C-alpha atoms as a PDB file:
ATOM      1  CA  LYS A   1       0.000   0.000   0.000  1.00  0.00           C
ATOM      2  CA  VAL A   2       1.382   3.398  -0.989  1.00  0.00           C
ATOM      3  CA  LEU A   3       0.355   6.777   0.424  1.00  0.00           C
ATOM      4  CA  ASP A   4      -0.095   8.103  -3.112  1.00  0.00           C
ATOM      5  CA  ASP A   5      -2.673   5.349  -3.736  1.00  0.00           C
ATOM      6  CA  PRO A   6      -6.150   6.672  -4.677  1.00  0.00           C
ATOM      7  CA  ASP A   7      -7.445   5.312  -1.349  1.00  0.00           C
ATOM      8  CA  PHE A   8      -5.513   8.083   0.351  1.00  0.00           C
ATOM      9  CA  SER A   9      -7.564  10.946  -1.115  1.00  0.00           C
ATOM     10  CA  PHE A  10      -7.360  12.760   2.231  1.00  0.00           C
ATOM     11  CA  ILE A  11      -3.563  12.897   1.880  1.00  0.00           C
ATOM     12  CA  LYS A  12      -3.907  14.136  -1.694  1.00  0.00           C
ATOM     13  CA  ALA A  13      -6.300  16.884  -0.552  1.00  0.00           C
ATOM     14  CA  LEU A  14      -3.810  18.009   2.089  1.00  0.00           C
ATOM     15  CA  GLN A  15      -0.987  17.965  -0.461  1.00  0.00           C
ATOM     16  CA  THR A  16      -3.047  20.078  -2.855  1.00  0.00           C
ATOM     17  CA  ALA A  17      -3.823  22.550  -0.071  1.00  0.00           C
ATOM     18  CA  GLN A  18      -0.083  22.714   0.668  1.00  0.00           C
ATOM     19  CA  GLN A  19      -0.606  21.949   4.341  1.00  0.00           C
ATOM     20  CA  ASN A  20       2.170  21.277   6.818  1.00  0.00           C
ATOM     21  CA  PHE A  21       1.711  17.658   7.796  1.00  0.00           C
ATOM     22  CA  VAL A  22       3.283  14.303   8.495  1.00  0.00           C
ATOM     23  CA  VAL A  23       1.974  10.758   8.252  1.00  0.00           C
ATOM     24  CA  THR A  24       3.028   8.188  10.834  1.00  0.00           C
ATOM     25  CA  ASP A  25       2.794   4.398  10.891  1.00  0.00           C
ATOM     26  CA  PRO A  26       1.523   2.953  14.191  1.00  0.00           C
ATOM     27  CA  SER A  27       2.345  -0.600  13.041  1.00  0.00           C
ATOM     28  CA  LEU A  28       6.050   0.261  13.347  1.00  0.00           C
ATOM     29  CA  PRO A  29       7.871   0.658  16.680  1.00  0.00           C
ATOM     30  CA  ASP A  30       7.346   4.144  18.193  1.00  0.00           C
ATOM     31  CA  ASN A  31       4.854   5.245  15.480  1.00  0.00           C
ATOM     32  CA  PRO A  32       7.494   6.923  13.258  1.00  0.00           C
ATOM     33  CA  ILE A  33       7.034   9.500  10.502  1.00  0.00           C
ATOM     34  CA  VAL A  34       6.804   7.792   7.105  1.00  0.00           C
ATOM     35  CA  TYR A  35       5.865  10.888   5.058  1.00  0.00           C
ATOM     36  CA  ALA A  36       6.442  14.621   5.566  1.00  0.00           C
ATOM     37  CA  THR A  37       5.452  17.519   3.335  1.00  0.00           C
ATOM     38  CA  GLN A  38       7.829  20.222   2.218  1.00  0.00           C
ATOM     39  CA  GLY A  39       5.672  22.657   4.211  1.00  0.00           C
ATOM     40  CA  PHE A  40       6.398  20.692   7.403  1.00  0.00           C
ATOM     41  CA  LEU A  41      10.117  20.712   6.600  1.00  0.00           C
ATOM     42  CA  ASN A  42      10.045  24.468   5.904  1.00  0.00           C
ATOM     43  CA  LEU A  43       8.155  25.156   9.155  1.00  0.00           C
ATOM     44  CA  THR A  44      10.453  23.066  11.360  1.00  0.00           C
ATOM     45  CA  GLY A  45      13.780  23.515   9.553  1.00  0.00           C
ATOM     46  CA  TYR A  46      14.427  19.778   9.499  1.00  0.00           C
ATOM     47  CA  THR A  47      15.375  17.830   6.373  1.00  0.00           C
ATOM     48  CA  LEU A  48      13.466  14.789   5.195  1.00  0.00           C
ATOM     49  CA  ASP A  49      16.363  12.524   6.244  1.00  0.00           C
ATOM     50  CA  GLN A  50      16.202  13.991   9.757  1.00  0.00           C
ATOM     51  CA  VAL A  51      12.480  13.244  10.258  1.00  0.00           C
ATOM     52  CA  LEU A  52      11.721   9.972   8.440  1.00  0.00           C
ATOM     53  CA  GLY A  53      11.694   7.051  10.845  1.00  0.00           C
ATOM     54  CA  ARG A  54      11.426   9.249  13.949  1.00  0.00           C
ATOM     55  CA  ASN A  55       8.546   9.848  16.341  1.00  0.00           C
ATOM     56  CA  CYS A  56       7.251  13.440  16.265  1.00  0.00           C
ATOM     57  CA  ARG A  57       8.300  14.070  19.862  1.00  0.00           C
ATOM     58  CA  PHE A  58      11.538  15.653  18.580  1.00  0.00           C
ATOM     59  CA  LEU A  59       9.421  18.815  18.112  1.00  0.00           C
ATOM     60  CA  GLN A  60       8.904  19.017  21.887  1.00  0.00           C
ATOM     61  CA  GLY A  61      11.191  20.957  24.197  1.00  0.00           C
ATOM     62  CA  PRO A  62      11.497  22.253  27.730  1.00  0.00           C
ATOM     63  CA  GLU A  63       8.562  24.688  27.437  1.00  0.00           C
ATOM     64  CA  THR A  64       6.164  22.270  25.708  1.00  0.00           C
ATOM     65  CA  ASP A  65       3.147  21.710  27.972  1.00  0.00           C
ATOM     66  CA  PRO A  66       3.151  18.081  29.198  1.00  0.00           C
ATOM     67  CA  LYS A  67      -0.668  18.155  29.410  1.00  0.00           C
ATOM     68  CA  ALA A  68      -0.899  18.918  25.684  1.00  0.00           C
ATOM     69  CA  VAL A  69       1.508  16.061  24.938  1.00  0.00           C
ATOM     70  CA  GLU A  70      -0.571  13.730  27.137  1.00  0.00           C
ATOM     71  CA  LYS A  71      -3.709  14.660  25.154  1.00  0.00           C
ATOM     72  CA  ILE A  72      -1.944  13.717  21.917  1.00  0.00           C
ATOM     73  CA  ARG A  73      -0.728  10.437  23.421  1.00  0.00           C
ATOM     74  CA  ASN A  74      -4.245   9.621  24.703  1.00  0.00           C
ATOM     75  CA  ALA A  75      -5.820  10.366  21.301  1.00  0.00           C
ATOM     76  CA  ILE A  76      -3.360   7.994  19.624  1.00  0.00           C
ATOM     77  CA  GLU A  77      -4.000   5.274  22.219  1.00  0.00           C
ATOM     78  CA  GLU A  78      -7.782   5.702  21.780  1.00  0.00           C
ATOM     79  CA  GLY A  79      -7.624   6.063  17.985  1.00  0.00           C
ATOM     80  CA  SER A  80      -9.514   9.353  18.191  1.00  0.00           C
ATOM     81  CA  ASP A  81      -9.082  12.635  16.341  1.00  0.00           C
ATOM     82  CA  MET A  82      -8.148  15.724  18.320  1.00  0.00           C
ATOM     83  CA  SER A  83      -6.633  19.168  18.193  1.00  0.00           C
ATOM     84  CA  VAL A  84      -4.432  20.983  20.680  1.00  0.00           C
ATOM     85  CA  CYS A  85      -2.301  24.116  20.690  1.00  0.00           C
ATOM     86  CA  LEU A  86       1.248  23.601  21.930  1.00  0.00           C
ATOM     87  CA  LEU A  87       4.709  25.117  21.774  1.00  0.00           C
ATOM     88  CA  ASN A  88       7.026  23.257  19.402  1.00  0.00           C
ATOM     89  CA  TYR A  89      10.700  23.639  18.566  1.00  0.00           C
ATOM     90  CA  ARG A  90      12.472  23.979  15.243  1.00  0.00           C
ATOM     91  CA  VAL A  91      15.790  22.324  14.445  1.00  0.00           C
ATOM     92  CA  ASP A  92      17.616  25.554  15.414  1.00  0.00           C
ATOM     93  CA  GLY A  93      15.912  25.656  18.843  1.00  0.00           C
ATOM     94  CA  THR A  94      13.530  28.530  18.074  1.00  0.00           C
ATOM     95  CA  THR A  95       9.911  28.006  19.066  1.00  0.00           C
ATOM     96  CA  PHE A  96       6.569  28.332  17.329  1.00  0.00           C
ATOM     97  CA  TRP A  97       2.985  27.905  18.480  1.00  0.00           C
ATOM     98  CA  ASN A  98       1.418  24.955  16.720  1.00  0.00           C
ATOM     99  CA  GLN A  99      -2.330  24.392  16.404  1.00  0.00           C
ATOM    100  CA  PHE A 100      -1.879  20.658  15.971  1.00  0.00           C
ATOM    101  CA  PHE A 101      -4.556  18.329  14.596  1.00  0.00           C
ATOM    102  CA  ILE A 102      -4.201  14.554  14.542  1.00  0.00           C
ATOM    103  CA  ALA A 103      -6.501  12.089  12.805  1.00  0.00           C
ATOM    104  CA  ALA A 104      -6.476   8.320  12.485  1.00  0.00           C
ATOM    105  CA  LEU A 105      -6.604   7.013   8.911  1.00  0.00           C
ATOM    106  CA  ARG A 106      -8.513   3.737   8.680  1.00  0.00           C
ATOM    107  CA  ASP A 107      -8.821   0.952   6.141  1.00  0.00           C
ATOM    108  CA  ALA A 108     -12.142  -0.416   4.860  1.00  0.00           C
ATOM    109  CA  ALA A 109     -12.423  -2.673   7.930  1.00  0.00           C
ATOM    110  CA  GLY A 110     -12.011   0.295  10.292  1.00  0.00           C
ATOM    111  CA  ASN A 111      -8.478  -0.609  11.370  1.00  0.00           C
ATOM    112  CA  ILE A 112      -6.063   2.265  11.905  1.00  0.00           C
ATOM    113  CA  THR A 113      -3.393   2.204   9.207  1.00  0.00           C
ATOM    114  CA  ASN A 114      -1.758   5.589   9.763  1.00  0.00           C
ATOM    115  CA  TYR A 115      -2.072   8.850  11.614  1.00  0.00           C
ATOM    116  CA  VAL A 116      -1.893  12.235   9.951  1.00  0.00           C
ATOM    117  CA  GLY A 117      -0.645  15.160  12.005  1.00  0.00           C
ATOM    118  CA  VAL A 118      -1.324  18.637  10.629  1.00  0.00           C
ATOM    119  CA  GLN A 119       0.694  21.581  11.945  1.00  0.00           C
ATOM    120  CA  CYS A 120      -0.512  25.168  11.723  1.00  0.00           C
ATOM    121  CA  LYS A 121       1.753  27.922  12.982  1.00  0.00           C
ATOM    122  CA  VAL A 122      -0.395  30.431  14.897  1.00  0.00           C
ATOM    123  CA  SER A 123       0.211  33.803  16.530  1.00  0.00           C
ATOM    124  CA  ASP A 124       1.171  34.220  20.184  1.00  0.00           C
ATOM    125  CA  GLN A 125      -2.172  35.908  20.889  1.00  0.00           C
ATOM    126  CA  TYR A 126      -4.185  33.101  19.283  1.00  0.00           C
ATOM    127  CA  ALA A 127      -2.131  30.506  21.188  1.00  0.00           C
ATOM    128  CA  ALA A 128      -2.649  32.337  24.495  1.00  0.00           C
ATOM    129  CA  ASN A 129      -6.434  32.360  23.965  1.00  0.00           C
ATOM    130  CA  VAL A 130      -6.577  28.694  22.941  1.00  0.00           C
ATOM    131  CA  CYS A 131      -4.267  27.553  25.749  1.00  0.00           C
ATOM    132  CA  LYS A 132      -6.415  29.450  28.263  1.00  0.00           C
ATOM    133  CA  ARG A 133      -9.537  27.654  26.949  1.00  0.00           C
ATOM    134  CA  GLN A 134      -7.678  24.317  27.063  1.00  0.00           C
ATOM    135  CA  GLU A 135      -6.740  24.931  30.716  1.00  0.00           C
ATOM    136  CA  GLU A 136     -10.314  25.932  31.586  1.00  0.00           C
ATOM    137  CA  ALA A 137     -11.662  22.805  29.889  1.00  0.00           C
ATOM    138  CA  ASP A 138      -9.091  20.625  31.678  1.00  0.00           C
ATOM    139  CA  HIS A 139     -10.026  22.211  35.013  1.00  0.00           C
ATOM    140  CA  ALA A 140     -13.727  21.607  34.336  1.00  0.00           C
ATOM    141  CA  ILE A 141     -13.074  17.933  33.557  1.00  0.00           C
ATOM    142  CA  VAL A 142     -10.969  17.469  36.697  1.00  0.00           C
ATOM    143  CA  HIS A 143     -13.690  19.191  38.739  1.00  0.00           C
ATOM    144  CA  GLN A 144     -16.413  17.010  37.171  1.00  0.00           C
ATOM    145  CA  GLU A 145     -14.418  13.837  37.778  1.00  0.00           C
ATOM    146  CA  GLY A 146     -13.813  14.908  41.369  1.00  0.00           C
ATOM    147  CA  ASP A 147     -17.549  15.462  41.921  1.00  0.00           C
ATOM    148  CA  ALA A 148     -18.612  12.207  40.273  1.00  0.00           C
ATOM    149  CA  PRO A 149     -15.964   9.523  40.791  1.00  0.00           C
ATOM    150  CA  ALA A 150     -18.223   6.770  39.459  1.00  0.00           C
ATOM    151  CA  ALA A 151     -18.940   8.602  36.203  1.00  0.00           C
ATOM    152  CA  ALA A 152     -17.741   7.272  32.873  1.00  0.00           C
ATOM    153  CA  PRO A 153     -14.437   8.700  31.606  1.00  0.00           C
ATOM    154  CA  GLN A 154     -14.770  12.137  30.079  1.00  0.00           C
ATOM    155  CA  ALA A 155     -14.200  12.723  26.369  1.00  0.00           C
ATOM    156  CA  GLN A 156     -11.541  15.101  25.135  1.00  0.00           C
ATOM    157  CA  ALA A 157     -12.742  18.557  26.125  1.00  0.00           C
ATOM    158  CA  VAL A 158     -10.924  20.556  23.477  1.00  0.00           C
ATOM    159  CA  ALA A 159     -11.490  18.366  20.437  1.00  0.00           C
ATOM    160  CA  PRO A 160     -13.967  15.541  20.841  1.00  0.00           C
ATOM    161  CA  GLY A 161     -13.507  13.955  17.410  1.00  0.00           C
ATOM    162  CA  ALA A 162     -15.246  10.843  16.120  1.00  0.00           C
ATOM    163  CA  ASP A 163     -14.348   8.138  13.642  1.00  0.00           C
ATOM    164  CA  GLY A 164     -14.615   9.463  10.123  1.00  0.00           C
ATOM    165  CA  VAL A 165     -15.514  13.001  11.240  1.00  0.00           C
ATOM    166  CA  PRO A 166     -12.694  15.539  11.335  1.00  0.00           C
ATOM    167  CA  ALA A 167     -12.469  16.821  14.893  1.00  0.00           C
ATOM    168  CA  ALA A 168     -11.408  20.231  13.626  1.00  0.00           C
ATOM    169  CA  ALA A 169     -14.974  20.836  12.483  1.00  0.00           C
ATOM    170  CA  ALA A 170     -16.363  20.161  15.949  1.00  0.00           C
ATOM    171  CA  SER A 171     -13.564  21.549  18.067  1.00  0.00           C
ATOM    172  CA  PRO A 172     -14.063  24.905  19.765  1.00  0.00           C
ATOM    173  CA  ALA A 173     -10.273  25.285  19.682  1.00  0.00           C
ATOM    174  CA  VAL A 174     -10.199  25.319  15.884  1.00  0.00           C
ATOM    175  CA  ALA A 175     -13.784  26.165  14.937  1.00  0.00           C
ATOM    176  CA  SER A 176     -12.722  29.527  13.548  1.00  0.00           C
ATOM    177  CA  ALA A 177      -9.724  29.894  11.291  1.00  0.00           C
ATOM    178  CA  PRO A 178      -6.729  30.969  13.380  1.00  0.00           C
ATOM    179  CA  PRO A 179      -4.673  33.951  12.352  1.00  0.00           C
ATOM    180  CA  VAL A 180      -1.560  32.464  10.808  1.00  0.00           C
ATOM    181  CA  ALA A 181       1.656  33.915  12.158  1.00  0.00           C
ATOM    182  CA  SER A 182       4.164  35.110   9.619  1.00  0.00           C
END
């Protein structure tokens, strides 16, 4: 199976839109990057040789919020789509705010074959607003869970997502187009 196969029309649509994204393969150890767009390479400063075969965590650094990283990890474990705003690092150590969206790509039987991670560089002001909403949503979930310990686990507060439905459309964190930082 090849990512340029007609079955991967979502990937083709992202390529046409010139989005910054990577595709990972969860069947391989550590869910490594198996495809990266030139936009992703331009945004991060890495070369293709530096990213292929690596897990995306190399974009994290000392100021990356561990709660945001945990949300990404949980979405991958659950096979759910989600979006989160987090601070990422370029190859030269400079930072950028990333409105990150991850979606599971599934085969005809519903099995996850790949994940696509879309990166959108956003302004400091946009990131501050989104991160504040993320913290408020996290606090509300913790408060709810504390009040009702027997309740079922809470869904992702920032980007609920559902199989086959892009979470970005339902997510309050990305419902309006963010101002793109230059």
